[in-house]
C-alpha atoms as a PDB file:
ATOM      1  CA  UNK A   1      66.454 280.018 176.377  1.00  0.00           C
ATOM      2  CA  UNK A   2      63.446 278.395 174.735  1.00  0.00           C
ATOM      3  CA  UNK A   3      62.940 276.728 171.424  1.00  0.00           C
ATOM      4  CA  UNK A   4      59.264 276.165 170.264  1.00  0.00           C
ATOM      5  CA  UNK A   5      59.748 273.783 167.364  1.00  0.00           C
ATOM      6  CA  UNK A   6      56.194 272.767 165.472  1.00  0.00           C
ATOM      7  CA  UNK A   7      54.835 268.996 166.152  1.00  0.00           C
ATOM      8  CA  UNK A   8      56.618 267.872 162.407  1.00  0.00           C
ATOM      9  CA  UNK A   9      59.832 269.534 163.540  1.00  0.00           C
ATOM     10  CA  UNK A  10      59.916 268.094 166.912  1.00  0.00           C
ATOM     11  CA  UNK A  11      58.514 264.579 165.473  1.00  0.00           C
ATOM     12  CA  UNK A  12      61.563 264.905 163.147  1.00  0.00           C
ATOM     13  CA  UNK A  13      64.463 266.147 166.151  1.00  0.00           C
ATOM     14  CA  UNK A  14      63.116 262.734 167.760  1.00  0.00           C
ATOM     15  CA  UNK A  15      63.484 260.232 165.073  1.00  0.00           C
ATOM     16  CA  UNK A  16      66.914 262.213 164.075  1.00  0.00           C
ATOM     17  CA  UNK A  17      67.755 261.599 168.323  1.00  0.00           C
ATOM     18  CA  UNK A  18      66.412 257.943 168.285  1.00  0.00           C
ATOM     19  CA  UNK A  19      68.569 257.047 164.975  1.00  0.00           C
ATOM     20  CA  UNK A  20      71.684 258.251 165.797  1.00  0.00           C
ATOM     21  CA  UNK A  21      71.209 257.448 169.825  1.00  0.00           C
ATOM     22  CA  UNK A  22      71.748 260.645 171.207  1.00  0.00           C
ATOM     23  CA  UNK A  23      69.513 263.142 173.104  1.00  0.00           C
ATOM     24  CA  UNK A  24      67.220 265.970 170.728  1.00  0.00           C
ATOM     25  CA  UNK A  25      69.296 268.597 172.708  1.00  0.00           C
ATOM     26  CA  UNK A  26      73.142 267.199 171.316  1.00  0.00           C
ATOM     27  CA  UNK A  27      71.199 267.058 167.647  1.00  0.00           C
ATOM     28  CA  UNK A  28      69.790 270.254 168.111  1.00  0.00           C
ATOM     29  CA  UNK A  29      73.305 272.000 169.617  1.00  0.00           C
ATOM     30  CA  UNK A  30      75.077 270.360 166.794  1.00  0.00           C
ATOM     31  CA  UNK A  31      72.718 271.787 164.657  1.00  0.00           C
ATOM     32  CA  UNK A  32      73.656 275.180 165.664  1.00  0.00           C
ATOM     33  CA  UNK A  33      76.916 274.838 165.755  1.00  0.00           C
ATOM     34  CA  UNK A  34      76.708 273.499 161.864  1.00  0.00           C
ATOM     35  CA  UNK A  35      74.751 276.918 161.179  1.00  0.00           C
ATOM     36  CA  UNK A  36      76.714 279.445 162.670  1.00  0.00           C
ATOM     37  CA  UNK A  37      80.548 277.805 161.496  1.00  0.00           C
ATOM     38  CA  UNK A  38      78.604 277.437 157.698  1.00  0.00           C
ATOM     39  CA  UNK A  39      77.369 280.904 157.651  1.00  0.00           C
ATOM     40  CA  UNK A  40      80.377 282.418 159.183  1.00  0.00           C
ATOM     41  CA  UNK A  41      82.463 280.764 155.989  1.00  0.00           C
ATOM     42  CA  UNK A  42      80.482 282.275 154.349  1.00  0.00           C
ATOM     43  CA  UNK A  43      80.028 285.306 155.185  1.00  0.00           C
ATOM     44  CA  UNK A  44      83.977 285.491 155.555  1.00  0.00           C
ATOM     45  CA  UNK A  45      84.406 284.292 152.412  1.00  0.00           C
ATOM     46  CA  UNK A  46      81.935 287.273 150.168  1.00  0.00           C
ATOM     47  CA  UNK A  47      83.334 289.930 152.834  1.00  0.00           C
ATOM     48  CA  UNK A  48      86.845 288.506 150.759  1.00  0.00           C
ATOM     49  CA  UNK A  49      85.530 288.843 147.231  1.00  0.00           C
ATOM     50  CA  UNK A  50      84.060 291.680 147.909  1.00  0.00           C
ATOM     51  CA  UNK A  51      86.847 293.354 148.532  1.00  0.00           C
ATOM     52  CA  UNK A  52      89.394 291.573 145.906  1.00  0.00           C
ATOM     53  CA  UNK A  53      87.115 291.056 143.368  1.00  0.00           C
ATOM     54  CA  UNK A  54      87.381 294.418 141.837  1.00  0.00           C
ATOM     55  CA  UNK A  55      90.726 294.456 142.169  1.00  0.00           C
ATOM     56  CA  UNK A  56      91.233 291.837 139.942  1.00  0.00           C
ATOM     57  CA  UNK A  57      87.636 292.831 138.050  1.00  0.00           C
ATOM     58  CA  UNK A  58      89.736 293.217 134.164  1.00  0.00           C
ATOM     59  CA  UNK A  59      91.991 290.479 134.331  1.00  0.00           C
ATOM     60  CA  UNK A  60      88.716 288.171 134.773  1.00  0.00           C
ATOM     61  CA  UNK A  61      86.857 289.561 132.380  1.00  0.00           C
ATOM     62  CA  UNK A  62      89.677 289.229 130.440  1.00  0.00           C
ATOM     63  CA  UNK A  63      90.043 285.780 130.986  1.00  0.00           C
ATOM     64  CA  UNK A  64      86.551 285.170 129.922  1.00  0.00           C
ATOM     65  CA  UNK A  65      86.548 286.394 126.478  1.00  0.00           C
END
């Protein structure tokens, strides 16, 4: 896989990697892992809410009054 970054993105990644004394590749790989993990959790939560919320809609509506 080839990742093409703008000059600004590459500079920001280079600075961050230098600050953390890590390679640019390590920083980018960690960013991808965190992105996938965070979005996977959000998608799972949204699916659960979509499936379960209707069951409790009436009770939630009453609690909101």
